[in-house]
Amino acid sequence: MTPVEDYIEALEEPRRSEIRRLHELIREAVPEAEPSLRTGMIGYGEFHYRYASGREGDADLVSLSSRKNHISLYVLCMFDGGYLAERYAERLPKANIGKSCVRFKRTSDVDLDVVRELVAEAGRIGPAAAG
């Protein structure tokens, strides 16, 4: 098994099935974004960033994490000067959305077609530029 599969298998049900479902959704929406395990979450589409200050590092276009009380989906993508995820707030009313993070208790709380659209749009636009 890969580290990503190990991460998913270590979760208890029903969270395991929900994270697996989201993992498959992300893989379908952005198949070119290879999954990896980084800092306790599944990342998709690794990229390197460098700020004008000289600080640099690696991040992922999309990340998925199972937290104690919710599922977190991070989308590091900007559009028209704002975070792409924030543009989906009205279409994901049961999710708590802040900048690049979409949080929800269970997959039944969100429209998965809208989540797929968000992730696919991020794949088309690409990662947020570091400034």
Foldseek 3Di string as FASTA:
>chain_A
DAPVVVLLVPDDPPVSVQVVVVVVLLCVLQVVFDWDDDPQWIATQKDKAAAPVGDIDIDGQWIWHDDPQWIKIFGQADDPHFALQVVCCVQQVQWDDDGGITIHRGPVSHDSVSVSVSSNVSNVRDGDHHD
